Amino acid sequence: MANHSATKKDVRQATKRRERNKFYGKTTRNAIRDLRAVSGKEASDKLPEVVSMIDKLAKRGIIHKNKAANLKSKLARKASATK
């Protein structure tokens, strides 16, 4: 365990950040799963908000920008195919 107060604070901050990132990641994964489950007009309606969530994850560095691009591409193809 850390001995310096600044290091202890850094551990606390890292723990908070990790929990927050886990929450955002899990929430987005659930939204992606729900989007894949629906089809037609409903998928087209949900797509922009899920894409926005994915972009925020990439911006925050929770997922890589190329992974975000791949996810968005696959979801857009699925949404347009089910129209």
PDB file of N, CA and C in Angstrom:
ATOM      1  N   MET A   1       0.846  -1.189   0.000  1.00  0.00           N
ATOM      2  CA  MET A   1       0.000   0.000   0.000  1.00  0.00           C
ATOM      3  C   MET A   1       0.879   1.235   0.000  1.00  0.00           C
ATOM      4  N   ALA A   2       0.349   2.307  -0.537  1.00  0.00           N
ATOM      5  CA  ALA A   2       1.095   3.550  -0.666  1.00  0.00           C
ATOM      6  C   ALA A   2       1.307   4.202   0.700  1.00  0.00           C
ATOM      7  N   ASN A   3       2.413   4.915   0.809  1.00  0.00           N
ATOM      8  CA  ASN A   3       2.726   5.607   2.054  1.00  0.00           C
ATOM      9  C   ASN A   3       2.518   7.108   1.961  1.00  0.00           C
ATOM     10  N   HIS A   4       2.659   7.675   0.788  1.00  0.00           N
ATOM     11  CA  HIS A   4       2.507   9.115   0.630  1.00  0.00           C
ATOM     12  C   HIS A   4       1.035   9.466   0.431  1.00  0.00           C
ATOM     13  N   SER A   5       0.667  10.616   0.968  1.00  0.00           N
ATOM     14  CA  SER A   5      -0.740  11.008   0.890  1.00  0.00           C
ATOM     15  C   SER A   5      -1.166  11.245  -0.555  1.00  0.00           C
ATOM     16  N   ALA A   6      -0.274  11.792  -1.370  1.00  0.00           N
ATOM     17  CA  ALA A   6      -0.618  12.041  -2.773  1.00  0.00           C
ATOM     18  C   ALA A   6      -0.851  10.725  -3.513  1.00  0.00           C
ATOM     19  N   THR A   7      -0.073   9.712  -3.174  1.00  0.00           N
ATOM     20  CA  THR A   7      -0.245   8.412  -3.817  1.00  0.00           C
ATOM     21  C   THR A   7      -1.545   7.754  -3.365  1.00  0.00           C
ATOM     22  N   LYS A   8      -1.888   7.938  -2.108  1.00  0.00           N
ATOM     23  CA  LYS A   8      -3.161   7.400  -1.613  1.00  0.00           C
ATOM     24  C   LYS A   8      -4.333   8.065  -2.334  1.00  0.00           C
ATOM     25  N   LYS A   9      -4.219   9.381  -2.532  1.00  0.00           N
ATOM     26  CA  LYS A   9      -5.259  10.108  -3.247  1.00  0.00           C
ATOM     27  C   LYS A   9      -5.362   9.614  -4.690  1.00  0.00           C
ATOM     28  N   ASP A  10      -4.215   9.368  -5.311  1.00  0.00           N
ATOM     29  CA  ASP A  10      -4.204   8.872  -6.684  1.00  0.00           C
ATOM     30  C   ASP A  10      -4.893   7.514  -6.780  1.00  0.00           C
ATOM     31  N   VAL A  11      -4.699   6.663  -5.782  1.00  0.00           N
ATOM     32  CA  VAL A  11      -5.359   5.355  -5.758  1.00  0.00           C
ATOM     33  C   VAL A  11      -6.871   5.538  -5.652  1.00  0.00           C
ATOM     34  N   ARG A  12      -7.303   6.472  -4.796  1.00  0.00           N
ATOM     35  CA  ARG A  12      -8.743   6.733  -4.662  1.00  0.00           C
ATOM     36  C   ARG A  12      -9.329   7.248  -5.972  1.00  0.00           C
ATOM     37  N   GLN A  13      -8.620   8.160  -6.627  1.00  0.00           N
ATOM     38  CA  GLN A  13      -9.110   8.717  -7.885  1.00  0.00           C
ATOM     39  C   GLN A  13      -9.175   7.654  -8.974  1.00  0.00           C
ATOM     40  N   ALA A  14      -8.152   6.811  -9.021  1.00  0.00           N
ATOM     41  CA  ALA A  14      -8.124   5.753 -10.032  1.00  0.00           C
ATOM     42  C   ALA A  14      -9.280   4.780  -9.821  1.00  0.00           C
ATOM     43  N   THR A  15      -9.601   4.495  -8.579  1.00  0.00           N
ATOM     44  CA  THR A  15     -10.716   3.596  -8.278  1.00  0.00           C
ATOM     45  C   THR A  15     -12.035   4.198  -8.753  1.00  0.00           C
ATOM     46  N   LYS A  16     -12.231   5.483  -8.473  1.00  0.00           N
ATOM     47  CA  LYS A  16     -13.453   6.157  -8.919  1.00  0.00           C
ATOM     48  C   LYS A  16     -13.549   6.158 -10.442  1.00  0.00           C
ATOM     49  N   ARG A  17     -12.411   6.477 -11.106  1.00  0.00           N
ATOM     50  CA  ARG A  17     -12.387   6.514 -12.558  1.00  0.00           C
ATOM     51  C   ARG A  17     -12.693   5.151 -13.153  1.00  0.00           C
ATOM     52  N   ARG A  18     -12.109   4.102 -12.576  1.00  0.00           N
ATOM     53  CA  ARG A  18     -12.315   2.742 -13.076  1.00  0.00           C
ATOM     54  C   ARG A  18     -13.783   2.346 -12.946  1.00  0.00           C
ATOM     55  N   GLU A  19     -14.395   2.648 -11.810  1.00  0.00           N
ATOM     56  CA  GLU A  19     -15.817   2.328 -11.621  1.00  0.00           C
ATOM     57  C   GLU A  19     -16.692   3.085 -12.611  1.00  0.00           C
ATOM     58  N   ARG A  20     -16.368   4.355 -12.830  1.00  0.00           N
ATOM     59  CA  ARG A  20     -17.139   5.169 -13.771  1.00  0.00           C
ATOM     60  C   ARG A  20     -17.000   4.624 -15.185  1.00  0.00           C
ATOM     61  N   ASN A  21     -15.770   4.267 -15.575  1.00  0.00           N
ATOM     62  CA  ASN A  21     -15.544   3.727 -16.909  1.00  0.00           C
ATOM     63  C   ASN A  21     -16.243   2.389 -17.096  1.00  0.00           C
ATOM     64  N   LYS A  22     -16.242   1.551 -16.055  1.00  0.00           N
ATOM     65  CA  LYS A  22     -16.953   0.274 -16.133  1.00  0.00           C
ATOM     66  C   LYS A  22     -18.441   0.498 -16.341  1.00  0.00           C
ATOM     67  N   PHE A  23     -19.000   1.490 -15.643  1.00  0.00           N
ATOM     68  CA  PHE A  23     -20.424   1.789 -15.775  1.00  0.00           C
ATOM     69  C   PHE A  23     -20.754   2.248 -17.195  1.00  0.00           C
ATOM     70  N   TYR A  24     -19.972   3.189 -17.729  1.00  0.00           N
ATOM     71  CA  TYR A  24     -20.224   3.682 -19.084  1.00  0.00           C
ATOM     72  C   TYR A  24     -20.082   2.560 -20.106  1.00  0.00           C
ATOM     73  N   GLY A  25     -19.060   1.739 -19.940  1.00  0.00           N
ATOM     74  CA  GLY A  25     -18.833   0.641 -20.879  1.00  0.00           C
ATOM     75  C   GLY A  25     -19.953  -0.368 -20.854  1.00  0.00           C
ATOM     76  N   LYS A  26     -20.393  -0.752 -19.663  1.00  0.00           N
ATOM     77  CA  LYS A  26     -21.456  -1.745 -19.524  1.00  0.00           C
ATOM     78  C   LYS A  26     -22.783  -1.194 -20.055  1.00  0.00           C
ATOM     79  N   THR A  27     -23.060   0.064 -19.767  1.00  0.00           N
ATOM     80  CA  THR A  27     -24.295   0.685 -20.248  1.00  0.00           C
ATOM     81  C   THR A  27     -24.325   0.703 -21.772  1.00  0.00           C
ATOM     82  N   THR A  28     -23.193   1.041 -22.374  1.00  0.00           N
ATOM     83  CA  THR A  28     -23.124   1.080 -23.834  1.00  0.00           C
ATOM     84  C   THR A  28     -23.238  -0.315 -24.429  1.00  0.00           C
ATOM     85  N   ARG A  29     -22.593  -1.297 -23.813  1.00  0.00           N
ATOM     86  CA  ARG A  29     -22.703  -2.675 -24.313  1.00  0.00           C
ATOM     87  C   ARG A  29     -24.150  -3.156 -24.260  1.00  0.00           C
ATOM     88  N   ASN A  30     -24.862  -2.809 -23.200  1.00  0.00           N
ATOM     89  CA  ASN A  30     -26.279  -3.183 -23.101  1.00  0.00           C
ATOM     90  C   ASN A  30     -27.103  -2.495 -24.188  1.00  0.00           C
ATOM     91  N   ALA A  31     -26.800  -1.224 -24.465  1.00  0.00           N
ATOM     92  CA  ALA A  31     -27.529  -0.500 -25.509  1.00  0.00           C
ATOM     93  C   ALA A  31     -27.258  -1.123 -26.877  1.00  0.00           C
ATOM     94  N   ILE A  32     -26.019  -1.540 -27.121  1.00  0.00           N
ATOM     95  CA  ILE A  32     -25.676  -2.192 -28.379  1.00  0.00           C
ATOM     96  C   ILE A  32     -26.424  -3.514 -28.503  1.00  0.00           C
ATOM     97  N   ARG A  33     -26.460  -4.270 -27.425  1.00  0.00           N
ATOM     98  CA  ARG A  33     -27.178  -5.552 -27.435  1.00  0.00           C
ATOM     99  C   ARG A  33     -28.663  -5.337 -27.722  1.00  0.00           C
ATOM    100  N   ASP A  34     -29.255  -4.333 -27.087  1.00  0.00           N
ATOM    101  CA  ASP A  34     -30.669  -4.051 -27.316  1.00  0.00           C
ATOM    102  C   ASP A  34     -30.933  -3.600 -28.749  1.00  0.00           C
ATOM    103  N   LEU A  35     -30.012  -2.821 -29.311  1.00  0.00           N
ATOM    104  CA  LEU A  35     -30.166  -2.368 -30.690  1.00  0.00           C
ATOM    105  C   LEU A  35     -30.091  -3.536 -31.661  1.00  0.00           C
ATOM    106  N   ARG A  36     -29.203  -4.477 -31.407  1.00  0.00           N
ATOM    107  CA  ARG A  36     -29.086  -5.649 -32.278  1.00  0.00           C
ATOM    108  C   ARG A  36     -30.331  -6.534 -32.194  1.00  0.00           C
ATOM    109  N   ALA A  37     -31.054  -6.470 -31.087  1.00  0.00           N
ATOM    110  CA  ALA A  37     -32.220  -7.321 -30.894  1.00  0.00           C
ATOM    111  C   ALA A  37     -33.445  -6.801 -31.657  1.00  0.00           C
ATOM    112  N   VAL A  38     -33.497  -5.493 -31.906  1.00  0.00           N
ATOM    113  CA  VAL A  38     -34.663  -4.930 -32.593  1.00  0.00           C
ATOM    114  C   VAL A  38     -34.375  -4.805 -34.082  1.00  0.00           C
ATOM    115  N   SER A  39     -35.418  -4.510 -34.839  1.00  0.00           N
ATOM    116  CA  SER A  39     -35.247  -4.363 -36.284  1.00  0.00           C
ATOM    117  C   SER A  39     -36.213  -3.308 -36.805  1.00  0.00           C
ATOM    118  N   GLY A  40     -36.025  -2.953 -38.055  1.00  0.00           N
ATOM    119  CA  GLY A  40     -36.933  -2.029 -38.726  1.00  0.00           C
ATOM    120  C   GLY A  40     -36.783  -0.602 -38.259  1.00  0.00           C
ATOM    121  N   LYS A  41     -37.918   0.067 -38.142  1.00  0.00           N
ATOM    122  CA  LYS A  41     -37.954   1.495 -37.786  1.00  0.00           C
ATOM    123  C   LYS A  41     -37.376   1.742 -36.403  1.00  0.00           C
ATOM    124  N   GLU A  42     -37.623   0.824 -35.497  1.00  0.00           N
ATOM    125  CA  GLU A  42     -37.143   0.993 -34.121  1.00  0.00           C
ATOM    126  C   GLU A  42     -35.617   1.008 -34.075  1.00  0.00           C
ATOM    127  N   ALA A  43     -34.970   0.172 -34.890  1.00  0.00           N
ATOM    128  CA  ALA A  43     -33.507   0.153 -34.938  1.00  0.00           C
ATOM    129  C   ALA A  43     -32.975   1.473 -35.486  1.00  0.00           C
ATOM    130  N   SER A  44     -33.630   2.009 -36.496  1.00  0.00           N
ATOM    131  CA  SER A  44     -33.203   3.287 -37.067  1.00  0.00           C
ATOM    132  C   SER A  44     -33.359   4.428 -36.071  1.00  0.00           C
ATOM    133  N   ASP A  45     -34.393   4.342 -35.230  1.00  0.00           N
ATOM    134  CA  ASP A  45     -34.609   5.383 -34.230  1.00  0.00           C
ATOM    135  C   ASP A  45     -33.581   5.319 -33.108  1.00  0.00           C
ATOM    136  N   LYS A  46     -33.195   4.121 -32.716  1.00  0.00           N
ATOM    137  CA  LYS A  46     -32.252   3.961 -31.602  1.00  0.00           C
ATOM    138  C   LYS A  46     -30.798   4.173 -32.018  1.00  0.00           C
ATOM    139  N   LEU A  47     -30.509   4.029 -33.307  1.00  0.00           N
ATOM    140  CA  LEU A  47     -29.120   4.079 -33.774  1.00  0.00           C
ATOM    141  C   LEU A  47     -28.386   5.368 -33.387  1.00  0.00           C
ATOM    142  N   PRO A  48     -28.953   6.561 -33.572  1.00  0.00           N
ATOM    143  CA  PRO A  48     -28.192   7.778 -33.245  1.00  0.00           C
ATOM    144  C   PRO A  48     -27.766   7.876 -31.780  1.00  0.00           C
ATOM    145  N   GLU A  49     -28.623   7.467 -30.864  1.00  0.00           N
ATOM    146  CA  GLU A  49     -28.246   7.572 -29.450  1.00  0.00           C
ATOM    147  C   GLU A  49     -27.171   6.549 -29.093  1.00  0.00           C
ATOM    148  N   VAL A  50     -27.208   5.364 -29.690  1.00  0.00           N
ATOM    149  CA  VAL A  50     -26.171   4.362 -29.421  1.00  0.00           C
ATOM    150  C   VAL A  50     -24.848   4.805 -30.036  1.00  0.00           C
ATOM    151  N   VAL A  51     -24.888   5.379 -31.233  1.00  0.00           N
ATOM    152  CA  VAL A  51     -23.677   5.890 -31.865  1.00  0.00           C
ATOM    153  C   VAL A  51     -23.066   7.000 -31.012  1.00  0.00           C
ATOM    154  N   SER A  52     -23.911   7.834 -30.436  1.00  0.00           N
ATOM    155  CA  SER A  52     -23.433   8.899 -29.561  1.00  0.00           C
ATOM    156  C   SER A  52     -22.732   8.323 -28.328  1.00  0.00           C
ATOM    157  N   MET A  53     -23.298   7.277 -27.757  1.00  0.00           N
ATOM    158  CA  MET A  53     -22.677   6.632 -26.592  1.00  0.00           C
ATOM    159  C   MET A  53     -21.313   6.052 -26.958  1.00  0.00           C
ATOM    160  N   ILE A  54     -21.233   5.429 -28.126  1.00  0.00           N
ATOM    161  CA  ILE A  54     -19.968   4.843 -28.578  1.00  0.00           C
ATOM    162  C   ILE A  54     -18.927   5.938 -28.792  1.00  0.00           C
ATOM    163  N   ASP A  55     -19.339   7.062 -29.388  1.00  0.00           N
ATOM    164  CA  ASP A  55     -18.417   8.178 -29.609  1.00  0.00           C
ATOM    165  C   ASP A  55     -17.882   8.726 -28.284  1.00  0.00           C
ATOM    166  N   LYS A  56     -18.736   8.807 -27.294  1.00  0.00           N
ATOM    167  CA  LYS A  56     -18.295   9.306 -25.990  1.00  0.00           C
ATOM    168  C   LYS A  56     -17.274   8.365 -25.352  1.00  0.00           C
ATOM    169  N   LEU A  57     -17.484   7.051 -25.503  1.00  0.00           N
ATOM    170  CA  LEU A  57     -16.508   6.096 -24.972  1.00  0.00           C
ATOM    171  C   LEU A  57     -15.162   6.275 -25.652  1.00  0.00           C
ATOM    172  N   ALA A  58     -15.172   6.471 -26.963  1.00  0.00           N
ATOM    173  CA  ALA A  58     -13.919   6.644 -27.698  1.00  0.00           C
ATOM    174  C   ALA A  58     -13.238   7.954 -27.293  1.00  0.00           C
ATOM    175  N   LYS A  59     -14.035   8.990 -27.105  1.00  0.00           N
ATOM    176  CA  LYS A  59     -13.483  10.287 -26.727  1.00  0.00           C
ATOM    177  C   LYS A  59     -12.825  10.223 -25.348  1.00  0.00           C
ATOM    178  N   ARG A  60     -13.442   9.484 -24.442  1.00  0.00           N
ATOM    179  CA  ARG A  60     -12.903   9.365 -23.089  1.00  0.00           C
ATOM    180  C   ARG A  60     -11.754   8.374 -22.998  1.00  0.00           C
ATOM    181  N   GLY A  61     -11.514   7.621 -24.077  1.00  0.00           N
ATOM    182  CA  GLY A  61     -10.416   6.668 -24.066  1.00  0.00           C
ATOM    183  C   GLY A  61     -10.771   5.335 -23.443  1.00  0.00           C
ATOM    184  N   ILE A  62     -12.055   5.059 -23.268  1.00  0.00           N
ATOM    185  CA  ILE A  62     -12.483   3.788 -22.681  1.00  0.00           C
ATOM    186  C   ILE A  62     -12.363   2.685 -23.715  1.00  0.00           C
ATOM    187  N   ILE A  63     -12.681   3.016 -24.970  1.00  0.00           N
ATOM    188  CA  ILE A  63     -12.437   2.076 -26.069  1.00  0.00           C
ATOM    189  C   ILE A  63     -11.604   2.796 -27.127  1.00  0.00           C
ATOM    190  N   HIS A  64     -10.943   2.027 -27.968  1.00  0.00           N
ATOM    191  CA  HIS A  64     -10.111   2.598 -29.021  1.00  0.00           C
ATOM    192  C   HIS A  64     -10.986   3.196 -30.112  1.00  0.00           C
ATOM    193  N   LYS A  65     -10.484   4.239 -30.775  1.00  0.00           N
ATOM    194  CA  LYS A  65     -11.293   4.915 -31.800  1.00  0.00           C
ATOM    195  C   LYS A  65     -11.610   4.000 -32.970  1.00  0.00           C
ATOM    196  N   ASN A  66     -10.707   3.065 -33.304  1.00  0.00           N
ATOM    197  CA  ASN A  66     -10.996   2.143 -34.400  1.00  0.00           C
ATOM    198  C   ASN A  66     -12.067   1.134 -34.005  1.00  0.00           C
ATOM    199  N   LYS A  67     -12.068   0.708 -32.750  1.00  0.00           N
ATOM    200  CA  LYS A  67     -13.125  -0.185 -32.273  1.00  0.00           C
ATOM    201  C   LYS A  67     -14.467   0.531 -32.345  1.00  0.00           C
ATOM    202  N   ALA A  68     -14.475   1.795 -31.972  1.00  0.00           N
ATOM    203  CA  ALA A  68     -15.705   2.584 -32.051  1.00  0.00           C
ATOM    204  C   ALA A  68     -16.189   2.666 -33.495  1.00  0.00           C
ATOM    205  N   ALA A  69     -15.271   2.898 -34.418  1.00  0.00           N
ATOM    206  CA  ALA A  69     -15.645   2.992 -35.827  1.00  0.00           C
ATOM    207  C   ALA A  69     -16.196   1.664 -36.332  1.00  0.00           C
ATOM    208  N   ASN A  70     -15.567   0.560 -35.936  1.00  0.00           N
ATOM    209  CA  ASN A  70     -16.051  -0.755 -36.360  1.00  0.00           C
ATOM    210  C   ASN A  70     -17.446  -1.036 -35.804  1.00  0.00           C
ATOM    211  N   LEU A  71     -17.664  -0.722 -34.526  1.00  0.00           N
ATOM    212  CA  LEU A  71     -18.985  -0.941 -33.926  1.00  0.00           C
ATOM    213  C   LEU A  71     -20.057  -0.122 -34.640  1.00  0.00           C
ATOM    214  N   LYS A  72     -19.763   1.151 -34.884  1.00  0.00           N
ATOM    215  CA  LYS A  72     -20.740   2.019 -35.542  1.00  0.00           C
ATOM    216  C   LYS A  72     -21.047   1.528 -36.945  1.00  0.00           C
ATOM    217  N   SER A  73     -20.023   1.072 -37.656  1.00  0.00           N
ATOM    218  CA  SER A  73     -20.220   0.587 -39.012  1.00  0.00           C
ATOM    219  C   SER A  73     -21.115  -0.648 -39.032  1.00  0.00           C
ATOM    220  N   LYS A  74     -20.826  -1.589 -38.132  1.00  0.00           N
ATOM    221  CA  LYS A  74     -21.633  -2.809 -38.084  1.00  0.00           C
ATOM    222  C   LYS A  74     -23.074  -2.523 -37.698  1.00  0.00           C
ATOM    223  N   LEU A  75     -23.267  -1.624 -36.740  1.00  0.00           N
ATOM    224  CA  LEU A  75     -24.630  -1.305 -36.314  1.00  0.00           C
ATOM    225  C   LEU A  75     -25.393  -0.572 -37.421  1.00  0.00           C
ATOM    226  N   ALA A  76     -24.721   0.308 -38.128  1.00  0.00           N
ATOM    227  CA  ALA A  76     -25.380   1.043 -39.220  1.00  0.00           C
ATOM    228  C   ALA A  76     -25.772   0.085 -40.341  1.00  0.00           C
ATOM    229  N   ARG A  77     -24.876  -0.876 -40.656  1.00  0.00           N
ATOM    230  CA  ARG A  77     -25.208  -1.847 -41.694  1.00  0.00           C
ATOM    231  C   ARG A  77     -26.421  -2.686 -41.286  1.00  0.00           C
ATOM    232  N   LYS A  78     -26.452  -3.098 -40.024  1.00  0.00           N
ATOM    233  CA  LYS A  78     -27.572  -3.919 -39.562  1.00  0.00           C
ATOM    234  C   LYS A  78     -28.871  -3.115 -39.571  1.00  0.00           C
ATOM    235  N   ALA A  79     -28.802  -1.864 -39.137  1.00  0.00           N
ATOM    236  CA  ALA A  79     -30.004  -1.031 -39.100  1.00  0.00           C
ATOM    237  C   ALA A  79     -30.536  -0.768 -40.508  1.00  0.00           C
ATOM    238  N   SER A  80     -29.644  -0.538 -41.462  1.00  0.00           N
ATOM    239  CA  SER A  80     -30.118  -0.266 -42.830  1.00  0.00           C
ATOM    240  C   SER A  80     -30.587  -1.545 -43.531  1.00  0.00           C
ATOM    241  N   ALA A  81     -30.036  -2.682 -43.143  1.00  0.00           N
ATOM    242  CA  ALA A  81     -30.442  -3.949 -43.761  1.00  0.00           C
ATOM    243  C   ALA A  81     -31.828  -4.370 -43.302  1.00  0.00           C
ATOM    244  N   THR A  82     -32.244  -3.952 -42.115  1.00  0.00           N
ATOM    245  CA  THR A  82     -33.536  -4.389 -41.577  1.00  0.00           C
ATOM    246  C   THR A  82     -34.664  -3.443 -41.954  1.00  0.00           C
ATOM    247  N   LYS A  83     -34.380  -2.402 -42.720  1.00  0.00           N
ATOM    248  CA  LYS A  83     -35.443  -1.457 -43.117  1.00  0.00           C
ATOM    249  C   LYS A  83     -36.426  -2.105 -44.064  1.00  0.00           C
TER     250      LYS A  83
END
